[in-house]
Amino acid sequence: MNEMQEEYESAIMNKRWDKKRECYFNREGEPVVPKKNIIFEDVLLIIPSSAEYYRNVLKDDTYAKRHEKEIKYAMISCLRKRDEERMKKSVEEMLINLKKVVVEIKAEAVQVEVEKKVEVVKEEDLKVVETEKIEEKVVEDEKKTESLTEVKIENFKSASDEGAGDEKKEELKQTEAPENTKVPITEVLKKNEDCEDGNWSSLADGKEKEAAGPCVG
């Protein structure tokens, strides 16, 4: 651990910073961290007992170097956990953004459906309005036709009545003319009586003259 701290300080002094991994690194290019950031529990998990360590060293000459690398790897577990936390956070943010996108897409889809339904309703309303206008026009035309028909009938009746009246007047004139030429019977009888009186007067005068005879002077 002390060796890790020394390598870390050396990396800072020499400004060996890895932008991609966001950590300092030693001369071999391996990441290094300060001693305070080492997670001791992770390191303790891989440290064997003394008896086991020496037994493995006796069995395998490369065990000591391999075990040293494992310890260094355990010491920088904080970097891995940091990366894991970042990855987790990034995934969470990604999920949140995806949910937002899904909600927006659904909202847009709903909006599109609503707009379609509104358009359909508008078209239906327009059709209804047009139908009502057509029906009103038909009714209006029918009323106009009925009015014109009634006027024509009235005119025809008036003309017929006037014609009939003229015919009656003509008939009355024709019947009145012969009647005007006839002499009332009372006048005829009176004329006859006057004639008879005249005749009788003439006859009486004649007789009187005959009775007197000629005057002898």
C-alpha atoms as a PDB file:
ATOM      1  CA  MET A   1       0.000   0.000   0.000  1.00  0.00           C
ATOM      2  CA  ASN A   2       2.895   2.330   0.796  1.00  0.00           C
ATOM      3  CA  GLU A   3       4.382   1.482  -2.573  1.00  0.00           C
ATOM      4  CA  MET A   4       1.061   2.386  -4.250  1.00  0.00           C
ATOM      5  CA  GLN A   5       1.121   5.754  -2.425  1.00  0.00           C
ATOM      6  CA  GLU A   6       4.673   6.463  -3.637  1.00  0.00           C
ATOM      7  CA  GLU A   7       3.744   5.612  -7.244  1.00  0.00           C
ATOM      8  CA  TYR A   8       0.688   7.846  -6.965  1.00  0.00           C
ATOM      9  CA  GLU A   9       2.771  10.834  -5.732  1.00  0.00           C
ATOM     10  CA  SER A  10       5.306  10.238  -8.476  1.00  0.00           C
ATOM     11  CA  ALA A  11       2.526  10.200 -11.091  1.00  0.00           C
ATOM     12  CA  ILE A  12       1.201  13.513  -9.768  1.00  0.00           C
ATOM     13  CA  MET A  13       4.640  15.103  -9.847  1.00  0.00           C
ATOM     14  CA  ASN A  14       5.229  13.900 -13.394  1.00  0.00           C
ATOM     15  CA  LYS A  15       1.647  14.770 -14.427  1.00  0.00           C
ATOM     16  CA  ARG A  16       0.930  11.291 -15.702  1.00  0.00           C
ATOM     17  CA  TRP A  17      -2.858  11.635 -16.062  1.00  0.00           C
ATOM     18  CA  ASP A  18      -5.018   9.351 -18.182  1.00  0.00           C
ATOM     19  CA  LYS A  19      -7.970  11.359 -19.561  1.00  0.00           C
ATOM     20  CA  LYS A  20      -9.777   8.304 -20.854  1.00  0.00           C
ATOM     21  CA  ARG A  21      -9.621   6.369 -17.583  1.00  0.00           C
ATOM     22  CA  GLU A  22      -9.651   9.551 -15.500  1.00  0.00           C
ATOM     23  CA  CYS A  23      -6.817   8.488 -13.189  1.00  0.00           C
ATOM     24  CA  TYR A  24      -3.077   8.784 -12.681  1.00  0.00           C
ATOM     25  CA  PHE A  25      -0.778   5.994 -13.849  1.00  0.00           C
ATOM     26  CA  ASN A  26       2.787   4.764 -13.001  1.00  0.00           C
ATOM     27  CA  ARG A  27       5.726   4.247 -15.307  1.00  0.00           C
ATOM     28  CA  GLU A  28       4.346   0.893 -16.461  1.00  0.00           C
ATOM     29  CA  GLY A  29       1.045   2.556 -17.442  1.00  0.00           C
ATOM     30  CA  GLU A  30      -0.892   0.935 -14.609  1.00  0.00           C
ATOM     31  CA  PRO A  31      -3.498   3.006 -12.742  1.00  0.00           C
ATOM     32  CA  VAL A  32      -2.541   4.208  -9.268  1.00  0.00           C
ATOM     33  CA  VAL A  33      -4.642   5.684  -6.460  1.00  0.00           C
ATOM     34  CA  PRO A  34      -3.871   7.375  -3.169  1.00  0.00           C
ATOM     35  CA  LYS A  35      -3.741   5.199  -0.094  1.00  0.00           C
ATOM     36  CA  LYS A  36      -6.886   6.822   1.335  1.00  0.00           C
ATOM     37  CA  ASN A  37      -8.921   5.575  -1.625  1.00  0.00           C
ATOM     38  CA  ILE A  38      -7.887   1.935  -1.276  1.00  0.00           C
ATOM     39  CA  ILE A  39     -10.728  -0.329  -0.183  1.00  0.00           C
ATOM     40  CA  PHE A  40      -9.072  -2.517   2.424  1.00  0.00           C
ATOM     41  CA  GLU A  41     -11.852  -5.079   2.531  1.00  0.00           C
ATOM     42  CA  ASP A  42     -11.276  -5.882  -1.121  1.00  0.00           C
ATOM     43  CA  VAL A  43      -7.545  -6.242  -0.548  1.00  0.00           C
ATOM     44  CA  LEU A  44      -7.992  -8.476   2.481  1.00  0.00           C
ATOM     45  CA  LEU A  45     -10.181 -10.837   0.507  1.00  0.00           C
ATOM     46  CA  ILE A  46      -7.290 -11.891  -1.727  1.00  0.00           C
ATOM     47  CA  ILE A  47      -4.468 -11.987   0.857  1.00  0.00           C
ATOM     48  CA  PRO A  48      -3.769 -15.611   1.883  1.00  0.00           C
ATOM     49  CA  SER A  49      -2.385 -16.765   5.172  1.00  0.00           C
ATOM     50  CA  SER A  50       1.411 -16.908   5.554  1.00  0.00           C
ATOM     51  CA  ALA A  51       1.479 -20.701   5.396  1.00  0.00           C
ATOM     52  CA  GLU A  52      -0.624 -20.761   2.238  1.00  0.00           C
ATOM     53  CA  TYR A  53       1.471 -18.018   0.620  1.00  0.00           C
ATOM     54  CA  TYR A  54       4.805 -19.781   1.183  1.00  0.00           C
ATOM     55  CA  ARG A  55       3.371 -23.121   0.175  1.00  0.00           C
ATOM     56  CA  ASN A  56       2.200 -21.602  -3.149  1.00  0.00           C
ATOM     57  CA  VAL A  57       5.590 -19.913  -3.623  1.00  0.00           C
ATOM     58  CA  LEU A  58       7.316 -23.245  -3.217  1.00  0.00           C
ATOM     59  CA  LYS A  59       4.986 -24.858  -5.741  1.00  0.00           C
ATOM     60  CA  ASP A  60       5.068 -22.062  -8.322  1.00  0.00           C
ATOM     61  CA  ASP A  61       7.932 -19.644  -8.894  1.00  0.00           C
ATOM     62  CA  THR A  62       5.605 -17.144 -10.659  1.00  0.00           C
ATOM     63  CA  TYR A  63       3.083 -17.097  -7.818  1.00  0.00           C
ATOM     64  CA  ALA A  64       4.691 -14.175  -5.951  1.00  0.00           C
ATOM     65  CA  LYS A  65       4.571 -11.836  -9.008  1.00  0.00           C
ATOM     66  CA  ARG A  66       1.088 -12.898  -9.936  1.00  0.00           C
ATOM     67  CA  HIS A  67      -0.092 -12.401  -6.371  1.00  0.00           C
ATOM     68  CA  GLU A  68       1.468  -8.910  -6.293  1.00  0.00           C
ATOM     69  CA  LYS A  69      -0.477  -7.954  -9.436  1.00  0.00           C
ATOM     70  CA  GLU A  70      -3.672  -9.297  -7.864  1.00  0.00           C
ATOM     71  CA  ILE A  71      -3.093  -7.114  -4.804  1.00  0.00           C
ATOM     72  CA  LYS A  72      -2.486  -4.013  -6.984  1.00  0.00           C
ATOM     73  CA  TYR A  73      -5.619  -4.857  -8.909  1.00  0.00           C
ATOM     74  CA  ALA A  74      -7.543  -5.075  -5.625  1.00  0.00           C
ATOM     75  CA  MET A  75      -6.097  -1.749  -4.517  1.00  0.00           C
ATOM     76  CA  ILE A  76      -7.539   0.073  -7.520  1.00  0.00           C
ATOM     77  CA  SER A  77     -10.985  -1.493  -7.031  1.00  0.00           C
ATOM     78  CA  CYS A  78     -12.184   1.983  -6.119  1.00  0.00           C
ATOM     79  CA  LEU A  79     -11.631   3.016  -9.712  1.00  0.00           C
ATOM     80  CA  ARG A  80     -13.673   0.091 -10.979  1.00  0.00           C
ATOM     81  CA  LYS A  81     -16.478   0.806  -8.534  1.00  0.00           C
ATOM     82  CA  ARG A  82     -16.392   4.443  -9.522  1.00  0.00           C
ATOM     83  CA  ASP A  83     -16.666   3.423 -13.172  1.00  0.00           C
ATOM     84  CA  GLU A  84     -19.454   1.006 -12.293  1.00  0.00           C
ATOM     85  CA  GLU A  85     -21.325   3.740 -10.434  1.00  0.00           C
ATOM     86  CA  ARG A  86     -20.881   6.068 -13.357  1.00  0.00           C
ATOM     87  CA  MET A  87     -22.028   3.386 -15.730  1.00  0.00           C
ATOM     88  CA  LYS A  88     -25.025   2.635 -13.555  1.00  0.00           C
ATOM     89  CA  LYS A  89     -25.886   6.310 -13.325  1.00  0.00           C
ATOM     90  CA  SER A  90     -25.468   6.678 -17.055  1.00  0.00           C
ATOM     91  CA  VAL A  91     -27.750   3.708 -17.664  1.00  0.00           C
ATOM     92  CA  GLU A  92     -30.310   5.130 -15.258  1.00  0.00           C
ATOM     93  CA  GLU A  93     -30.173   8.486 -17.006  1.00  0.00           C
ATOM     94  CA  MET A  94     -30.470   6.706 -20.311  1.00  0.00           C
ATOM     95  CA  LEU A  95     -33.530   4.827 -19.090  1.00  0.00           C
ATOM     96  CA  ILE A  96     -35.070   8.047 -17.791  1.00  0.00           C
ATOM     97  CA  ASN A  97     -34.436   9.720 -21.137  1.00  0.00           C
ATOM     98  CA  LEU A  98     -35.859   6.704 -22.962  1.00  0.00           C
ATOM     99  CA  LYS A  99     -38.960   6.833 -20.772  1.00  0.00           C
ATOM    100  CA  LYS A 100     -39.306  10.536 -21.540  1.00  0.00           C
ATOM    101  CA  VAL A 101     -38.913   9.810 -25.246  1.00  0.00           C
ATOM    102  CA  VAL A 102     -41.494   7.010 -25.011  1.00  0.00           C
ATOM    103  CA  VAL A 103     -43.884   9.333 -23.171  1.00  0.00           C
ATOM    104  CA  GLU A 104     -43.315  12.052 -25.765  1.00  0.00           C
ATOM    105  CA  ILE A 105     -43.820   9.578 -28.607  1.00  0.00           C
ATOM    106  CA  LYS A 106     -47.006   8.300 -26.981  1.00  0.00           C
ATOM    107  CA  ALA A 107     -48.167  11.865 -26.415  1.00  0.00           C
ATOM    108  CA  GLU A 108     -47.408  12.701 -30.042  1.00  0.00           C
ATOM    109  CA  ALA A 109     -49.195   9.538 -31.168  1.00  0.00           C
ATOM    110  CA  VAL A 110     -52.180  10.439 -28.998  1.00  0.00           C
ATOM    111  CA  GLN A 111     -52.068  13.984 -30.326  1.00  0.00           C
ATOM    112  CA  VAL A 112     -51.975  12.678 -33.883  1.00  0.00           C
ATOM    113  CA  GLU A 113     -54.916  10.381 -33.152  1.00  0.00           C
ATOM    114  CA  VAL A 114     -56.808  13.237 -31.537  1.00  0.00           C
ATOM    115  CA  GLU A 115     -56.078  15.482 -34.525  1.00  0.00           C
ATOM    116  CA  LYS A 116     -57.220  12.728 -36.884  1.00  0.00           C
ATOM    117  CA  LYS A 117     -60.435  12.276 -34.910  1.00  0.00           C
ATOM    118  CA  VAL A 118     -60.924  16.037 -34.840  1.00  0.00           C
ATOM    119  CA  GLU A 119     -60.424  16.150 -38.614  1.00  0.00           C
ATOM    120  CA  VAL A 120     -62.912  13.312 -39.052  1.00  0.00           C
ATOM    121  CA  VAL A 121     -65.410  15.096 -36.794  1.00  0.00           C
ATOM    122  CA  LYS A 122     -64.864  18.347 -38.698  1.00  0.00           C
ATOM    123  CA  GLU A 123     -65.402  16.577 -42.008  1.00  0.00           C
ATOM    124  CA  GLU A 124     -68.559  14.940 -40.658  1.00  0.00           C
ATOM    125  CA  ASP A 125     -69.763  18.295 -39.322  1.00  0.00           C
ATOM    126  CA  LEU A 126     -69.065  19.907 -42.693  1.00  0.00           C
ATOM    127  CA  LYS A 127     -70.971  17.127 -44.422  1.00  0.00           C
ATOM    128  CA  VAL A 128     -73.870  17.611 -42.007  1.00  0.00           C
ATOM    129  CA  VAL A 129     -73.807  21.371 -42.569  1.00  0.00           C
ATOM    130  CA  GLU A 130     -73.658  20.902 -46.337  1.00  0.00           C
ATOM    131  CA  THR A 131     -76.512  18.388 -46.157  1.00  0.00           C
ATOM    132  CA  GLU A 132     -78.553  20.788 -44.045  1.00  0.00           C
ATOM    133  CA  LYS A 133     -77.840  23.609 -46.498  1.00  0.00           C
ATOM    134  CA  ILE A 134     -78.881  21.408 -49.403  1.00  0.00           C
ATOM    135  CA  GLU A 135     -82.049  20.378 -47.561  1.00  0.00           C
ATOM    136  CA  GLU A 136     -82.805  24.015 -46.719  1.00  0.00           C
ATOM    137  CA  LYS A 137     -82.223  24.960 -50.358  1.00  0.00           C
ATOM    138  CA  VAL A 138     -84.517  22.174 -51.525  1.00  0.00           C
ATOM    139  CA  VAL A 139     -87.218  23.248 -49.046  1.00  0.00           C
ATOM    140  CA  GLU A 140     -86.783  26.870 -50.093  1.00  0.00           C
ATOM    141  CA  ASP A 141     -87.007  25.936 -53.767  1.00  0.00           C
ATOM    142  CA  GLU A 142     -90.096  23.848 -53.056  1.00  0.00           C
ATOM    143  CA  LYS A 143     -91.693  26.783 -51.232  1.00  0.00           C
ATOM    144  CA  LYS A 144     -90.856  29.112 -54.114  1.00  0.00           C
ATOM    145  CA  THR A 145     -92.275  26.612 -56.582  1.00  0.00           C
ATOM    146  CA  GLU A 146     -95.438  26.258 -54.482  1.00  0.00           C
ATOM    147  CA  SER A 147     -95.772  30.052 -54.252  1.00  0.00           C
ATOM    148  CA  LEU A 148     -95.318  30.470 -57.990  1.00  0.00           C
ATOM    149  CA  THR A 149     -97.824  27.692 -58.616  1.00  0.00           C
ATOM    150  CA  GLU A 150    -100.340  29.328 -56.275  1.00  0.00           C
ATOM    151  CA  VAL A 151     -99.848  32.699 -57.995  1.00  0.00           C
ATOM    152  CA  LYS A 152    -100.321  31.111 -61.405  1.00  0.00           C
ATOM    153  CA  ILE A 153    -103.465  29.342 -60.193  1.00  0.00           C
ATOM    154  CA  GLU A 154    -104.802  32.601 -58.752  1.00  0.00           C
ATOM    155  CA  ASN A 155    -104.010  34.435 -61.982  1.00  0.00           C
ATOM    156  CA  PHE A 156    -105.655  31.689 -63.972  1.00  0.00           C
ATOM    157  CA  LYS A 157    -108.728  31.814 -61.749  1.00  0.00           C
ATOM    158  CA  SER A 158    -108.886  35.595 -62.038  1.00  0.00           C
ATOM    159  CA  ALA A 159    -108.553  35.403 -65.798  1.00  0.00           C
ATOM    160  CA  SER A 160    -111.215  32.710 -65.925  1.00  0.00           C
ATOM    161  CA  ASP A 161    -113.542  34.766 -63.736  1.00  0.00           C
ATOM    162  CA  GLU A 162    -112.996  37.846 -65.880  1.00  0.00           C
ATOM    163  CA  GLY A 163    -113.644  35.842 -69.058  1.00  0.00           C
ATOM    164  CA  ALA A 164    -116.769  34.352 -67.581  1.00  0.00           C
ATOM    165  CA  GLY A 165    -117.928  37.807 -66.506  1.00  0.00           C
ATOM    166  CA  ASP A 166    -117.382  39.191 -69.981  1.00  0.00           C
ATOM    167  CA  GLU A 167    -119.293  36.282 -71.474  1.00  0.00           C
ATOM    168  CA  LYS A 168    -122.195  36.890 -69.042  1.00  0.00           C
ATOM    169  CA  LYS A 169    -122.204  40.597 -69.855  1.00  0.00           C
ATOM    170  CA  GLU A 170    -122.299  39.812 -73.562  1.00  0.00           C
ATOM    171  CA  GLU A 171    -125.153  37.392 -73.035  1.00  0.00           C
ATOM    172  CA  LEU A 172    -127.051  40.002 -71.015  1.00  0.00           C
ATOM    173  CA  LYS A 173    -126.548  42.558 -73.759  1.00  0.00           C
ATOM    174  CA  GLN A 174    -127.776  40.119 -76.356  1.00  0.00           C
ATOM    175  CA  THR A 175    -130.894  39.288 -74.281  1.00  0.00           C
ATOM    176  CA  GLU A 176    -131.615  42.912 -73.437  1.00  0.00           C
ATOM    177  CA  ALA A 177    -131.592  44.099 -77.079  1.00  0.00           C
ATOM    178  CA  PRO A 178    -134.657  42.129 -78.251  1.00  0.00           C
ATOM    179  CA  GLU A 179    -136.545  42.997 -75.078  1.00  0.00           C
ATOM    180  CA  ASN A 180    -135.961  46.693 -75.699  1.00  0.00           C
ATOM    181  CA  THR A 181    -137.607  46.406 -79.180  1.00  0.00           C
ATOM    182  CA  LYS A 182    -140.825  44.952 -77.699  1.00  0.00           C
ATOM    183  CA  VAL A 183    -143.704  47.422 -76.915  1.00  0.00           C
ATOM    184  CA  PRO A 184    -145.429  46.891 -73.613  1.00  0.00           C
ATOM    185  CA  ILE A 185    -148.917  45.347 -73.989  1.00  0.00           C
ATOM    186  CA  THR A 186    -150.536  48.145 -71.999  1.00  0.00           C
ATOM    187  CA  GLU A 187    -149.364  50.663 -74.560  1.00  0.00           C
ATOM    188  CA  VAL A 188    -150.777  48.504 -77.403  1.00  0.00           C
ATOM    189  CA  LEU A 189    -154.135  48.194 -75.639  1.00  0.00           C
ATOM    190  CA  LYS A 190    -154.233  51.927 -74.996  1.00  0.00           C
ATOM    191  CA  LYS A 191    -153.523  52.668 -78.630  1.00  0.00           C
ATOM    192  CA  ASN A 192    -156.293  50.313 -79.700  1.00  0.00           C
ATOM    193  CA  GLU A 193    -158.770  51.986 -77.327  1.00  0.00           C
ATOM    194  CA  ASP A 194    -157.832  55.417 -78.689  1.00  0.00           C
ATOM    195  CA  CYS A 195    -158.374  54.212 -82.250  1.00  0.00           C
ATOM    196  CA  GLU A 196    -161.755  52.747 -81.371  1.00  0.00           C
ATOM    197  CA  ASP A 197    -162.797  55.983 -79.622  1.00  0.00           C
ATOM    198  CA  GLY A 198    -161.731  57.925 -82.675  1.00  0.00           C
ATOM    199  CA  ASN A 199    -163.695  55.753 -84.984  1.00  0.00           C
ATOM    200  CA  TRP A 200    -166.769  55.987 -82.811  1.00  0.00           C
ATOM    201  CA  SER A 201    -166.469  59.778 -82.716  1.00  0.00           C
ATOM    202  CA  SER A 202    -166.258  59.952 -86.481  1.00  0.00           C
ATOM    203  CA  LEU A 203    -169.287  57.781 -86.903  1.00  0.00           C
ATOM    204  CA  ALA A 204    -171.344  59.929 -84.476  1.00  0.00           C
ATOM    205  CA  ASP A 205    -170.405  63.134 -86.254  1.00  0.00           C
ATOM    206  CA  GLY A 206    -171.491  61.650 -89.557  1.00  0.00           C
ATOM    207  CA  LYS A 207    -174.818  60.624 -88.282  1.00  0.00           C
ATOM    208  CA  GLU A 208    -175.470  64.040 -86.804  1.00  0.00           C
ATOM    209  CA  LYS A 209    -174.719  65.680 -90.128  1.00  0.00           C
ATOM    210  CA  GLU A 210    -176.987  63.275 -91.964  1.00  0.00           C
ATOM    211  CA  ALA A 211    -179.860  64.008 -89.517  1.00  0.00           C
ATOM    212  CA  ALA A 212    -179.530  67.718 -89.911  1.00  0.00           C
ATOM    213  CA  GLY A 213    -179.577  67.417 -93.633  1.00  0.00           C
ATOM    214  CA  PRO A 214    -178.888  70.271 -95.907  1.00  0.00           C
ATOM    215  CA  CYS A 215    -179.985  73.594 -94.751  1.00  0.00           C
ATOM    216  CA  VAL A 216    -182.711  75.100 -96.861  1.00  0.00           C
ATOM    217  CA  GLY A 217    -182.495  78.795 -96.994  1.00  0.00           C
END
